[in-house]
Protein backbone atom coordinates (compact mmCIF):
# COMPACT_ATOMS: atom_id res chain seq x y z
CA MET A 1 -22.08 12.00 -7.29
CA LYS A 2 -18.72 10.31 -6.02
CA PHE A 3 -15.26 9.90 -7.64
CA THR A 4 -13.77 6.67 -7.40
CA PRO A 5 -10.25 6.25 -7.69
CA ILE A 6 -10.31 3.50 -10.40
CA ALA A 7 -7.22 1.53 -10.93
CA SER A 8 -6.34 -1.57 -13.13
CA ALA A 9 -6.17 -4.98 -11.24
CA THR A 10 -1.94 -4.14 -11.45
CA LEU A 11 -2.18 -0.98 -9.15
CA LEU A 12 -3.41 -3.33 -6.45
CA THR A 13 -0.63 -5.46 -5.12
CA THR A 14 -0.30 -9.09 -5.81
CA PHE A 15 0.58 -11.18 -2.89
CA THR A 16 0.83 -14.83 -1.91
CA LEU A 17 -1.62 -16.20 0.88
CA ALA A 18 0.58 -18.90 3.21
CA ASN A 19 -1.01 -22.02 3.27
CA PRO A 20 -1.09 -23.51 6.95
CA VAL A 21 0.63 -26.52 6.46
CA LEU A 22 3.30 -28.36 8.64
CA ALA A 23 6.61 -26.96 8.59
CA ALA A 24 9.23 -28.33 6.23
CA ASN A 25 11.20 -29.15 9.55
CA PRO A 26 8.82 -29.78 12.35
CA GLU A 27 11.50 -30.09 15.09
CA HIS A 28 12.52 -26.22 14.40
CA THR A 29 8.83 -25.27 14.67
CA ARG A 30 8.79 -27.01 18.15
CA GLN A 31 12.23 -25.17 19.28
CA LEU A 32 11.02 -22.07 18.45
CA LEU A 33 8.00 -22.22 20.06
CA ALA A 34 9.47 -23.49 23.33
CA THR A 35 12.33 -21.39 23.38
CA ARG A 36 11.82 -18.60 20.83
CA LYS A 37 15.41 -19.07 19.74
CA CYS A 38 15.69 -20.35 16.33
CA SER A 39 18.23 -18.41 13.94
CA GLN A 40 18.91 -19.82 10.95
CA CYS A 41 15.89 -22.53 11.30
CA ASP A 42 13.88 -24.00 8.31
CA LEU A 43 10.52 -22.97 9.05
CA THR A 44 9.29 -22.84 5.50
CA ASP A 45 5.43 -23.19 5.64
CA ALA A 46 4.93 -23.13 9.23
CA GLY A 47 1.73 -22.76 10.82
CA LEU A 48 2.36 -20.02 13.62
CA VAL A 49 -1.22 -18.46 13.51
CA MET A 50 -1.26 -16.27 17.08
CA ALA A 51 2.09 -17.67 17.84
CA ASN A 52 3.71 -15.66 21.22
CA LEU A 53 7.01 -14.65 19.55
CA VAL A 54 7.80 -11.67 21.69
CA GLY A 55 11.56 -11.06 21.48
CA ALA A 56 12.05 -14.20 19.42
CA ASP A 57 15.30 -14.58 17.65
CA LEU A 58 14.86 -15.51 14.11
CA THR A 59 17.70 -14.06 12.30
CA GLY A 60 18.40 -15.49 9.11
CA ALA A 61 15.51 -18.09 9.33
CA ASP A 62 13.72 -19.24 6.57
CA LEU A 63 10.14 -18.28 7.20
CA SER A 64 8.82 -18.60 3.55
CA ARG A 65 5.18 -18.88 2.97
CA ALA A 66 4.89 -19.23 6.94
CA ASN A 67 1.55 -18.12 8.44
CA LEU A 68 2.12 -15.63 11.13
CA SER A 69 -1.38 -14.20 11.08
CA ARG A 70 -2.01 -12.54 14.18
CA ALA A 71 1.15 -13.69 15.59
CA ASN A 72 2.69 -11.22 18.53
CA LEU A 73 6.40 -10.66 17.06
CA MET A 74 6.84 -7.70 19.15
CA GLY A 75 10.43 -6.90 19.55
CA ALA A 76 11.63 -9.95 17.46
CA ASP A 77 14.73 -10.14 15.88
CA LEU A 78 14.14 -10.89 12.04
CA ARG A 79 17.48 -9.36 10.45
CA GLY A 80 18.00 -11.15 7.21
CA ALA A 81 14.95 -13.66 7.48
CA ASN A 82 13.24 -14.86 4.59
CA LEU A 83 9.44 -14.40 4.84
CA MET A 84 8.66 -14.38 1.22
CA GLY A 85 4.94 -15.10 0.60
CA ALA A 86 4.67 -15.38 4.09
CA SER A 87 1.05 -14.22 5.92
CA LEU A 88 1.88 -11.47 8.59
CA HIS A 89 -1.73 -10.47 8.09
CA GLY A 90 -2.34 -8.30 11.51
CA ALA A 91 0.70 -9.63 13.05
CA ASN A 92 2.23 -7.24 15.77
CA LEU A 93 5.91 -6.29 14.47
CA THR A 94 6.10 -2.71 16.51
CA GLY A 95 9.95 -2.91 17.51
CA ALA A 96 10.75 -5.69 15.48
CA ASN A 97 14.22 -5.66 13.77
CA LEU A 98 13.50 -6.67 9.98
CA SER A 99 16.33 -5.14 8.79
CA GLY A 100 17.65 -6.67 5.26
CA ALA A 101 14.56 -9.31 5.48
CA ASN A 102 12.92 -10.49 2.19
CA LEU A 103 8.95 -9.69 2.62
CA THR A 104 8.65 -10.05 -1.30
CA ALA A 105 5.05 -10.48 -1.77
CA ALA A 106 4.28 -10.75 2.02
CA ASP A 107 0.63 -10.10 3.44
CA LEU A 108 0.67 -7.41 5.63
CA ARG A 109 -2.49 -6.16 5.57
CA GLY A 110 -3.29 -4.56 9.09
CA ALA A 111 0.11 -5.46 10.76
CA TYR A 112 1.50 -3.19 13.13
CA LEU A 113 5.21 -1.87 12.49
CA SER A 114 5.50 1.12 14.55
CA GLN A 115 9.16 1.51 15.44
CA ALA A 116 10.06 -1.71 13.55
CA ASN A 117 13.70 -1.32 11.62
CA LEU A 118 12.85 -1.85 8.23
CA VAL A 119 15.96 -0.53 6.63
CA GLY A 120 16.80 -2.61 3.73
CA THR A 121 14.11 -5.00 3.99
CA ASN A 122 12.74 -5.99 0.24
CA LEU A 123 8.82 -4.90 0.04
CA VAL A 124 8.35 -5.73 -3.39
CA ASN A 125 4.87 -6.92 -4.02
CA ALA A 126 4.40 -6.67 -0.37
CA ASN A 127 0.35 -6.30 0.63
CA LEU A 128 0.53 -3.40 3.39
CA LEU A 129 -3.04 -2.27 3.14
CA GLY A 130 -4.17 -1.03 6.61
CA ALA A 131 -0.43 -1.36 7.87
CA VAL A 132 0.05 0.59 10.98
CA GLY A 133 3.04 2.47 11.74
CA LEU A 134 4.92 2.39 8.14
CA PRO A 135 7.95 4.31 8.06
CA ASN A 136 8.57 6.94 5.52
CA TYR A 137 11.79 5.45 4.33
CA THR A 138 10.06 2.23 3.26
CA GLY A 139 9.12 3.01 -0.15
CA GLY A 140 9.30 6.13 -2.88
CA ALA A 141 7.02 8.53 -4.02
CA GLU A 142 4.97 6.11 -6.55
CA ASP A 143 5.00 3.12 -3.40
CA PHE A 144 3.09 5.55 -1.52
CA TYR A 145 0.87 6.91 -4.10
CA ARG A 146 0.04 3.40 -4.92
CA TRP A 147 -0.56 2.39 -1.39
CA GLY A 148 -2.71 5.47 -1.00
CA MET A 149 -5.01 5.01 -4.01
CA ALA A 150 -5.71 1.28 -2.83
CA GLU A 151 -6.56 2.65 0.82
CA ALA A 152 -8.94 4.98 -1.60
CA GLU A 153 -10.50 1.94 -3.11
CA ARG A 154 -11.30 0.66 0.49
CA ASP A 155 -12.94 4.03 1.31
CA ASN A 156 -10.28 4.57 3.86
CA HIS A 157 -10.17 8.30 3.14
CA GLN A 158 -7.98 9.55 5.87
CA ARG A 159 -5.46 7.01 5.37
CA ALA A 160 -5.34 7.65 1.61
CA LEU A 161 -4.74 11.12 2.65
CA GLU A 162 -1.81 10.57 4.71
CA LEU A 163 -0.23 8.35 2.00
CA LEU A 164 -1.10 10.84 -0.77
CA ASN A 165 0.43 13.50 1.55
CA GLN A 166 3.81 11.63 1.92
CA ALA A 167 4.00 10.85 -1.79
CA LEU A 168 4.02 14.49 -2.77
CA VAL A 169 6.39 15.64 0.13
CA MET A 170 8.75 13.22 -1.57
CA LYS A 171 7.77 14.31 -5.06
CA PRO A 172 6.20 17.74 -4.88
CA ASP A 173 5.27 17.96 -8.64
CA TYR A 174 3.76 14.38 -9.01
CA ALA A 175 0.76 15.22 -10.92
CA ASN A 176 -0.96 11.68 -10.57
CA ALA A 177 -0.87 11.97 -6.60
CA TYR A 178 -2.47 15.56 -6.79
CA LEU A 179 -5.26 14.13 -9.07
CA GLY A 180 -5.82 11.16 -6.62
CA ARG A 181 -5.95 13.36 -3.46
CA GLY A 182 -8.11 15.90 -5.03
CA MET A 183 -10.85 12.66 -5.63
CA VAL A 184 -10.09 11.52 -2.09
CA GLN A 185 -10.74 14.84 -0.85
CA PHE A 186 -14.11 15.33 -3.18
CA ASN A 187 -15.17 12.05 -1.54
CA GLN A 188 -14.78 13.58 1.71
CA GLY A 189 -16.84 16.44 0.87
CA ASP A 190 -13.94 19.00 0.55
CA ARG A 191 -14.98 20.12 -2.83
CA LEU A 192 -12.80 23.17 -2.61
CA ALA A 193 -9.80 21.39 -1.66
CA ALA A 194 -10.55 19.12 -4.40
CA LEU A 195 -10.47 21.77 -7.26
CA ALA A 196 -7.46 23.13 -6.07
CA ASP A 197 -5.30 19.84 -6.03
CA THR A 198 -6.94 18.96 -9.38
CA LYS A 199 -6.29 22.23 -11.06
CA LYS A 200 -2.81 21.84 -9.77
CA ALA A 201 -2.62 18.22 -11.26
CA ALA A 202 -3.73 19.55 -14.90
CA GLU A 203 -0.92 22.29 -14.71
CA LEU A 204 1.53 19.70 -13.88
CA PHE A 205 0.31 17.13 -16.50
CA THR A 206 0.28 19.90 -19.14
CA ALA A 207 3.86 21.09 -18.42
CA GLN A 208 5.04 17.30 -18.25
CA GLY A 209 3.65 16.68 -21.28
CA ASN A 210 0.88 14.22 -20.37
CA GLN A 211 -1.95 15.15 -22.49
CA ASP A 212 -3.94 12.42 -21.14
CA GLY A 213 -3.56 13.36 -17.53
CA ALA A 214 -4.50 16.93 -18.44
CA LYS A 215 -7.42 15.88 -20.04
CA ALA A 216 -8.70 13.43 -17.18
CA ALA A 217 -7.69 16.22 -14.95
CA GLU A 218 -9.84 18.78 -16.71
CA GLN A 219 -12.76 16.19 -17.22
CA VAL A 220 -12.45 16.11 -12.90
CA ILE A 221 -12.56 19.89 -12.74
CA ALA A 222 -15.55 20.64 -14.89
CA GLY A 223 -17.53 17.64 -12.98
CA ILE A 224 -16.76 19.64 -9.70
CA GLU A 225 -17.78 22.84 -11.31
CA GLN A 226 -20.73 21.80 -12.56
CA LEU A 227 -21.66 20.26 -9.25
CA ASN A 228 -21.20 23.62 -7.82
CA ASN A 229 -23.08 25.05 -10.49
CA PRO A 230 -26.11 22.67 -11.09
CA LYS A 231 -27.73 24.55 -13.56
CA GLU A 232 -25.04 23.70 -16.13
CA ARG A 233 -26.20 20.31 -17.09
CA ARG A 234 -23.92 17.81 -19.08
CA PRO A 235 -25.84 14.55 -19.58
CA ASN A 236 -23.96 11.49 -18.64
CA PHE A 237 -20.81 13.21 -17.30
CA GLY A 238 -20.17 10.75 -14.31
CA LEU A 239 -20.08 7.51 -16.72
CA ASN A 240 -17.62 9.13 -19.14
CA LEU A 241 -15.37 10.54 -16.49
CA LEU A 242 -15.10 7.26 -14.62
CA GLY A 243 -14.10 5.46 -18.03
CA LEU A 244 -11.46 8.19 -18.55
CA LEU A 245 -9.92 7.89 -15.44
CA GLN A 246 -9.99 3.94 -15.51
CA GLY A 247 -8.34 4.44 -18.85
CA LEU A 248 -5.68 6.75 -17.52
CA ALA A 249 -4.84 4.46 -15.03
CA GLY A 250 -4.04 1.57 -17.25
CA LEU A 251 -2.38 3.80 -19.45
CA ALA A 252 0.05 5.53 -16.96
CA LEU A 253 0.75 2.00 -15.48
CA GLN A 254 2.09 0.84 -19.03
CA SER A 255 3.89 4.10 -19.48
CA GLY A 256 5.62 3.75 -16.46
CA LEU A 257 4.54 7.51 -15.15
CA LEU A 258 3.23 6.04 -11.87
């Protein structure tokens, strides 16, 4: 049996894909591609897929909804740039300076962010699935939990564990993160670690007065123990458990527990 960390649709980041249409100011697009210097430029909706923009000066530029998928922005200066709704899917942002940039609802799936400066960057609703080198300071425990569960949905277990571990470093009493990590460990075949984490989650849920969370954790514990003792049979356990976990995820979101 596989535990799937089911989450409601709102757990997954909502993002806006950029449309590959002409920029509002084509002259600025030509300037950027020719000189890699376009500070304060109007590049809204610009089509810059796979563009070579290494070290480009884009300080304060308006790149809202621009398509920068797989673009090479290594070392680019994007301080204060508006990248709201932009597509940076698979883009190379290694060493880029994004301090103070607006990346609201940006698509950063699979982007390379090693050594990038994201201090003061707005990442609300940005899609960071599979992003590489995400600095620890870019989010709180709840953000890393959400990203970790989204990676678990994709069966990217190792990345999910890394993100959930970070959530627990930031918030050691985060019951949801223990429960989520336990399910990921179970899917990796490590039942002992999964059992230990889920028991910790049950303990924390109980201490925090979260009866729904405690009940879900106890159900997971019972399921793991049942698998460890196959003579104990409980019909339809798996279906009931998954339904309960789905309900817990929705309830936790509504009550702000995540």
